Protein backbone atom coordinates (compact mmCIF):
# COMPACT_ATOMS: atom_id res chain seq x y z
CA MET A 1 -31.03 -59.71 37.04
CA SER A 2 -32.64 -57.17 34.71
CA ARG A 3 -30.82 -54.13 33.26
CA ARG A 4 -32.48 -50.76 33.58
CA SER A 5 -32.84 -48.84 30.29
CA PRO A 6 -31.45 -45.27 30.23
CA SER A 7 -33.84 -42.46 30.92
CA ARG A 8 -34.97 -40.11 28.20
CA GLY A 9 -32.90 -37.28 29.72
CA THR A 10 -29.74 -39.34 29.67
CA LEU A 11 -30.40 -40.41 26.09
CA ALA A 12 -31.01 -36.84 24.98
CA LEU A 13 -27.83 -35.67 26.69
CA GLY A 14 -25.83 -38.39 24.97
CA ILE A 15 -27.24 -37.43 21.57
CA ALA A 16 -26.44 -33.75 22.18
CA LEU A 17 -22.89 -34.49 23.21
CA GLY A 18 -22.45 -36.74 20.19
CA ALA A 19 -23.73 -34.01 17.88
CA ILE A 20 -21.35 -31.48 19.42
CA GLY A 21 -18.49 -33.91 18.91
CA VAL A 22 -19.41 -34.39 15.25
CA VAL A 23 -19.57 -30.61 14.73
CA CYS A 24 -16.16 -30.13 16.38
CA VAL A 25 -14.57 -32.84 14.25
CA ALA A 26 -16.14 -31.45 11.07
CA GLY A 27 -15.02 -27.91 11.95
CA GLY A 28 -11.51 -29.08 12.66
CA LEU A 29 -11.32 -30.91 9.34
CA ALA A 30 -12.68 -27.86 7.54
CA LEU A 31 -10.09 -25.57 9.14
CA LEU A 32 -7.35 -28.06 8.32
CA GLY A 33 -8.46 -28.19 4.70
CA TRP A 34 -8.62 -24.38 4.56
CA ARG A 35 -5.13 -24.19 5.98
CA ILE A 36 -3.82 -26.64 3.36
CA LEU A 37 -5.72 -25.32 0.33
CA ALA A 38 -5.54 -21.57 1.09
CA PRO A 39 -2.73 -20.95 3.59
CA ASP A 40 -2.59 -17.21 2.90
CA ASP A 41 -6.27 -16.67 3.66
CA ALA A 42 -6.19 -19.00 6.67
CA VAL A 43 -3.43 -17.00 8.34
CA ILE A 44 -5.43 -13.76 8.30
CA ALA A 45 -8.72 -13.72 10.19
CA PRO A 46 -11.57 -12.35 8.04
CA PRO A 47 -12.75 -9.02 9.44
CA HIS A 48 -16.45 -9.98 9.40
CA LEU A 49 -15.75 -12.92 11.74
CA PHE A 50 -13.54 -11.23 14.30
CA GLY A 51 -14.58 -7.60 14.07
CA THR A 52 -13.25 -4.70 12.05
CA PRO A 53 -9.55 -3.97 12.58
CA GLU A 54 -8.80 -0.82 14.51
CA PRO A 55 -8.24 2.11 12.11
CA THR A 56 -5.76 3.64 14.56
CA PRO A 57 -2.34 2.05 13.96
CA THR A 58 -0.79 0.08 16.77
CA PRO A 59 2.81 0.84 17.79
CA GLY A 60 5.26 -0.78 15.44
CA LEU A 61 9.02 -1.05 15.32
CA LEU A 62 9.53 2.40 16.84
CA GLY A 63 7.40 1.64 19.88
CA THR A 64 4.97 4.43 19.05
CA ALA A 65 2.62 5.01 16.14
CA LEU A 66 3.72 7.40 13.40
CA PRO A 67 1.54 10.49 13.04
CA ALA A 68 -0.57 10.79 9.92
CA PRO A 69 0.08 13.78 7.64
CA PRO A 70 -2.37 16.67 8.19
CA LEU A 71 -5.48 16.93 6.06
CA PRO A 72 -5.75 19.84 3.61
CA PRO A 73 -8.27 22.61 4.36
CA ALA A 74 -10.81 21.39 1.78
CA LEU A 75 -11.95 17.77 1.83
CA THR A 76 -12.23 17.69 -1.96
CA GLN A 77 -8.46 18.19 -2.16
CA VAL A 78 -7.96 14.66 -0.83
CA VAL A 79 -7.18 11.97 -3.40
CA ILE A 80 -8.97 8.78 -2.36
CA LEU A 81 -7.01 5.56 -1.75
CA PRO A 82 -6.85 3.22 -4.75
CA VAL A 83 -8.98 0.08 -5.03
CA SER A 84 -7.71 -3.32 -6.15
CA GLU A 85 -10.44 -3.93 -8.69
CA PRO A 86 -10.08 -3.91 -12.49
CA PRO A 87 -9.76 -0.13 -13.02
CA THR A 88 -10.74 2.09 -15.92
CA PRO A 89 -7.91 4.62 -15.65
CA THR A 90 -8.02 7.81 -17.65
CA ALA A 91 -4.63 9.16 -16.74
CA THR A 92 -2.31 6.28 -16.03
CA ALA A 93 1.05 5.72 -17.66
CA ILE A 94 1.93 2.03 -17.87
CA PRO A 95 5.33 1.51 -19.45
CA THR A 96 6.23 -1.91 -20.70
CA ASP A 97 7.81 -4.25 -18.16
CA THR A 98 11.58 -4.05 -18.07
CA PRO A 99 13.94 -6.78 -16.92
CA ALA A 100 15.14 -6.60 -13.34
CA PRO A 101 18.53 -5.00 -12.78
CA SER A 102 21.36 -7.23 -11.71
CA ASP A 103 21.41 -8.20 -8.04
CA THR A 104 25.16 -9.02 -8.01
CA PRO A 105 26.29 -8.16 -4.47
CA THR A 106 29.17 -5.82 -3.86
CA SER A 107 32.19 -6.84 -1.86
CA THR A 108 30.82 -5.35 1.37
CA LEU A 109 27.08 -4.95 1.82
CA THR A 110 26.30 -1.86 3.84
CA PRO A 111 22.66 -1.03 3.09
CA SER A 112 21.90 2.63 3.45
CA PRO A 113 19.83 5.29 1.77
CA ALA A 114 21.83 6.29 -1.28
CA GLU A 115 23.12 9.78 -1.80
CA PRO A 116 20.64 11.76 -3.96
CA SER A 117 21.43 12.23 -7.60
CA PRO A 118 22.11 15.87 -8.60
CA ALA A 119 20.56 15.32 -12.03
CA ALA A 120 17.29 13.99 -10.71
CA PRO A 121 13.99 15.90 -10.78
CA PRO A 122 12.95 18.36 -8.05
CA GLN A 123 10.60 17.39 -5.23
CA GLU A 124 7.18 19.00 -5.36
CA THR A 125 5.50 20.24 -2.22
CA LEU A 126 1.82 20.00 -2.97
CA THR A 127 -1.64 19.10 -1.87
CA PRO A 128 -3.03 16.23 -4.01
CA ALA A 129 -5.70 17.63 -6.30
CA PRO A 130 -8.83 15.91 -7.62
CA SER A 131 -7.86 16.59 -11.22
CA VAL A 132 -4.09 16.42 -11.20
CA THR A 133 -2.88 15.53 -14.68
CA PRO A 134 -0.17 12.84 -14.69
CA THR A 135 3.17 14.57 -14.65
CA PRO A 136 6.37 12.95 -15.94
CA ALA A 137 9.61 13.36 -14.03
CA PRO A 138 10.68 16.94 -14.88
CA SER A 139 14.20 18.14 -15.50
CA ALA A 140 16.15 19.57 -12.60
CA THR A 141 14.50 23.00 -12.67
CA PRO A 142 11.92 24.49 -10.33
CA THR A 143 9.39 24.62 -13.19
CA VAL A 144 6.47 22.19 -12.79
CA THR A 145 5.39 20.51 -16.03
CA GLU A 146 1.85 19.10 -16.08
CA THR A 147 1.78 17.60 -19.57
CA ALA A 148 3.62 14.68 -21.07
CA PRO A 149 3.75 13.45 -24.67
CA THR A 150 3.91 9.84 -23.50
CA LEU A 151 0.79 10.01 -21.31
CA THR A 152 -2.80 10.11 -22.46
CA ALA A 153 -5.20 11.88 -20.14
CA THR A 154 -8.85 12.78 -20.31
CA PRO A 155 -9.33 16.17 -18.63
CA ILE A 156 -12.01 16.46 -15.98
CA PRO A 157 -13.14 20.09 -16.15
CA THR A 158 -15.76 19.74 -13.42
CA ILE A 159 -13.14 19.08 -10.73
CA PRO A 160 -11.42 22.25 -9.47
CA THR A 161 -7.71 22.25 -10.18
CA LEU A 162 -5.38 23.04 -7.30
CA PRO A 163 -2.04 24.73 -8.01
CA LEU A 164 1.08 22.62 -7.82
CA THR A 165 3.73 24.48 -5.86
CA ALA A 166 7.33 23.66 -6.67
CA SER A 167 9.87 23.66 -3.87
CA PRO A 168 11.87 26.94 -3.90
CA THR A 169 15.07 24.87 -3.79
CA PRO A 170 15.20 21.88 -6.18
CA ILE A 171 15.49 18.61 -4.25
CA SER A 172 17.51 15.77 -5.71
CA GLY A 173 15.81 12.44 -6.12
CA ALA A 174 14.65 9.94 -8.70
CA PRO A 175 11.40 8.04 -9.33
CA PRO A 176 11.48 4.38 -8.21
CA THR A 177 11.78 1.82 -10.99
CA ARG A 178 11.77 -1.49 -9.11
CA ILE A 179 10.74 -2.86 -5.71
CA ARG A 180 12.25 -5.84 -3.91
CA ILE A 181 11.04 -7.31 -0.61
CA ALA A 182 12.90 -10.50 0.27
CA ALA A 183 10.58 -11.36 3.17
CA ILE A 184 7.68 -12.01 0.76
CA GLY A 185 9.66 -12.94 -2.37
CA LEU A 186 8.65 -9.77 -4.22
CA ASP A 187 10.66 -8.49 -7.18
CA ALA A 188 8.64 -6.33 -9.56
CA PRO A 189 8.89 -3.17 -11.68
CA VAL A 190 7.49 0.18 -10.56
CA VAL A 191 5.65 2.44 -13.02
CA PRO A 192 4.15 5.93 -12.58
CA VAL A 193 0.37 6.19 -12.20
CA GLY A 194 -2.14 9.04 -12.32
CA GLN A 195 -5.71 9.56 -11.15
CA HIS A 196 -9.30 9.23 -12.33
CA ALA A 197 -12.59 10.83 -11.26
CA VAL A 198 -15.01 9.25 -8.78
CA THR A 199 -18.27 10.53 -7.29
CA LEU A 200 -18.66 10.24 -3.51
CA ASP A 201 -21.72 11.57 -1.71
CA GLY A 202 -22.60 13.65 -4.75
CA GLU A 203 -19.16 15.31 -4.96
CA LEU A 204 -16.39 14.71 -7.46
CA PHE A 205 -13.08 13.44 -6.14
CA SER A 206 -9.98 11.85 -7.61
CA GLN A 207 -8.82 8.32 -6.94
CA TRP A 208 -5.41 6.88 -7.71
CA ASP A 209 -5.09 4.43 -10.58
CA VAL A 210 -3.49 1.00 -10.10
CA PRO A 211 -1.33 -0.60 -12.83
CA PRO A 212 -3.30 -3.26 -14.77
CA THR A 213 -0.25 -5.54 -14.75
CA ARG A 214 2.16 -7.15 -12.30
CA ALA A 215 3.79 -3.87 -11.31
CA ALA A 216 3.64 -1.46 -8.42
CA GLY A 217 2.32 2.01 -9.19
CA TRP A 218 4.24 5.07 -8.05
CA HIS A 219 1.98 8.05 -7.27
CA GLN A 220 3.81 10.48 -9.50
CA THR A 221 2.98 13.50 -7.37
CA SER A 222 4.59 11.78 -4.36
CA ALA A 223 8.24 12.12 -3.38
CA PRO A 224 11.03 10.62 -5.47
CA LEU A 225 13.59 8.41 -3.76
CA GLY A 226 16.44 10.00 -1.86
CA ALA A 227 14.50 13.17 -1.02
CA PRO A 228 12.37 14.21 1.96
CA GLY A 229 8.71 13.35 1.54
CA ASN A 230 6.30 10.46 1.23
CA THR A 231 7.04 8.04 -1.63
CA VAL A 232 3.74 6.22 -2.25
CA LEU A 233 3.36 2.94 -4.16
CA ASN A 234 0.18 0.95 -4.75
CA GLY A 235 -0.54 -2.44 -6.32
CA HIS A 236 -3.23 -5.04 -6.89
CA HIS A 237 -3.56 -7.93 -4.46
CA ASN A 238 -6.07 -10.24 -6.19
CA VAL A 239 -6.07 -9.30 -9.91
CA TYR A 240 -3.60 -8.38 -12.67
CA GLY A 241 -0.69 -10.45 -11.41
CA GLU A 242 -1.34 -9.80 -7.69
CA VAL A 243 1.93 -7.91 -7.20
CA PHE A 244 1.03 -7.04 -3.58
CA ARG A 245 -0.77 -10.31 -2.73
CA TYR A 246 1.58 -11.12 0.16
CA LEU A 247 1.99 -7.58 1.46
CA ALA A 248 -0.16 -8.50 4.48
CA ALA A 249 2.60 -10.86 5.64
CA LEU A 250 5.03 -7.97 6.18
CA LYS A 251 5.84 -7.06 9.76
CA PRO A 252 7.88 -4.34 11.42
CA GLY A 253 11.57 -4.97 10.90
CA ASP A 254 11.29 -6.35 7.34
CA TRP A 255 13.46 -4.66 4.72
CA ILE A 256 12.34 -3.02 1.48
CA ALA A 257 14.72 -2.20 -1.38
CA LEU A 258 13.73 0.31 -4.06
CA ASP A 259 15.76 0.97 -7.20
CA ALA A 260 15.95 4.36 -8.89
CA ALA A 261 18.16 4.83 -11.94
CA ASP A 262 21.44 3.09 -11.00
CA ARG A 263 21.02 3.32 -7.21
CA ARG A 264 19.29 1.25 -4.57
CA TYR A 265 17.59 2.66 -1.47
CA HIS A 266 16.93 0.58 1.63
CA TYR A 267 14.01 0.99 4.03
CA VAL A 268 12.70 -0.80 7.12
CA VAL A 269 9.01 -1.48 7.78
CA VAL A 270 8.03 0.30 10.98
CA GLN A 271 4.22 0.16 10.93
CA THR A 272 1.34 -1.66 9.22
CA MET A 273 -2.36 -0.78 9.32
CA THR A 274 -5.62 -2.31 8.14
CA LEU A 275 -8.17 0.45 7.52
CA ALA A 276 -11.90 -0.06 6.87
CA GLU A 277 -12.59 1.64 3.51
CA GLU A 278 -15.40 0.10 1.45
CA GLY A 279 -18.80 1.60 2.27
CA GLN A 280 -17.33 3.95 4.87
CA PRO A 281 -18.43 7.60 5.23
CA LEU A 282 -16.50 10.18 3.28
CA ASP A 283 -14.78 11.58 6.35
CA VAL A 284 -13.45 8.10 7.21
CA ARG A 285 -12.12 7.58 3.68
CA ALA A 286 -10.50 11.02 3.76
CA GLU A 287 -8.90 10.15 7.09
CA ASN A 288 -7.52 6.95 5.54
CA ALA A 289 -6.13 8.95 2.62
CA ARG A 290 -4.05 11.06 5.00
CA TRP A 291 -1.42 8.32 4.95
CA ILE A 292 -0.57 9.01 1.29
CA LEU A 293 -0.30 12.79 1.67
CA PRO A 294 3.10 14.57 1.63
CA THR A 295 5.24 14.37 4.77
CA ALA A 296 8.18 16.34 6.12
CA ASP A 297 10.20 13.19 6.81
CA GLU A 298 11.47 10.68 4.26
CA ARG A 299 9.31 7.56 4.14
CA VAL A 300 7.83 4.94 1.81
CA THR A 301 4.13 4.04 1.98
CA LEU A 302 2.77 0.89 0.29
CA VAL A 303 -1.00 0.57 -0.25
CA THR A 304 -3.17 -2.34 -1.37
CA CYS A 305 -6.57 -3.84 -0.54
CA TRP A 306 -7.34 -6.48 2.11
CA PRO A 307 -8.30 -9.32 2.61
CA SER A 308 -7.30 -11.43 -0.39
CA TYR A 309 -10.87 -12.42 -1.30
CA ALA A 310 -12.33 -8.89 -1.05
CA ASN A 311 -11.53 -5.18 -1.15
CA THR A 312 -13.28 -4.02 2.02
CA HIS A 313 -10.15 -2.67 3.74
CA ARG A 314 -6.91 -0.95 2.79
CA LEU A 315 -3.60 -2.32 3.96
CA VAL A 316 -1.05 0.43 4.55
CA VAL A 317 2.63 -0.36 5.14
CA ILE A 318 5.01 2.42 6.19
CA ALA A 319 8.79 2.12 5.97
CA LEU A 320 11.54 4.54 6.97
CA PRO A 321 15.11 4.83 5.64
CA LEU A 322 17.33 2.12 7.07
CA TRP A 323 19.72 4.43 8.88
CA ASP A 324 16.84 6.36 10.46
CA VAL A 325 15.77 3.16 12.22
CA ILE A 326 18.89 1.04 12.72
CA PRO A 327 22.19 2.69 13.69
CA PRO A 328 24.92 1.91 11.14
CA ALA A 329 26.93 0.04 13.77
CA ASP A 330 24.04 -2.39 14.30
CA ILE A 331 23.48 -3.16 10.61
CA PRO A 332 24.68 -6.74 9.88
């Protein structure tokens, strides 16, 4: 009894199915290796494979998205979001790293925004200017000081200077000196940073500097801790110590602790956003920069680049004071 040989169609189908099986096995092994060798990158889907993340924030811990601060009348008054590339800052103050303060717990831990210090500098109500000179923390007077003996700055005369308007009533507060986020194992110093000039679409703008070390940079025209306003911190994610490398792992509900002088302030993450920035039109970049403008409420905004292998997007994390989010009775 003779056996009939398979037809050409059946043979071709078998070869095709075999090839698909080989591709699936190879892809699975590749993904497994990626997961083992680069777990941080494997968790976050690259934007060019799964589309660009929505620039509009999705509802976070509060159930509704926070509104972005309003744009100033002139687009050139916007200070562009920082970039996590090796910078060439012209007006950045980088103090030497200081040891972390003691974390010895008190007898009863009741995290809450600390009472503001009466000797701390006043809050400035201002519109970020393209040529703002780095300003040290002033004494508790309504006078705004725009020079500092410890900072070196190269003036940019071609950028129009906008007036800095001091609050009529001095607001207590202190610049942050250290940031701690237990959820991502972060414990790093915070240093003040200034701005440098960039040219976008033929116009001069300012862009925030980023500390060239493992430290978060406090935008020194943003709010101090313990006072109403937007306290803005930036940091590198793939160079210079990668202080904000794991910021993308934060989710609503995670806690952030910021030290200022001898006090600690507690905040809760309420919203995270991934905004397309690199190569975007100027109006899009200005819209992104709204999130670092002054606000009427008290909040902390953290900014870095995303994903870890590139700088195409900006990751923005917004946190509110602990007691504004969680009633004191519900705090463990």
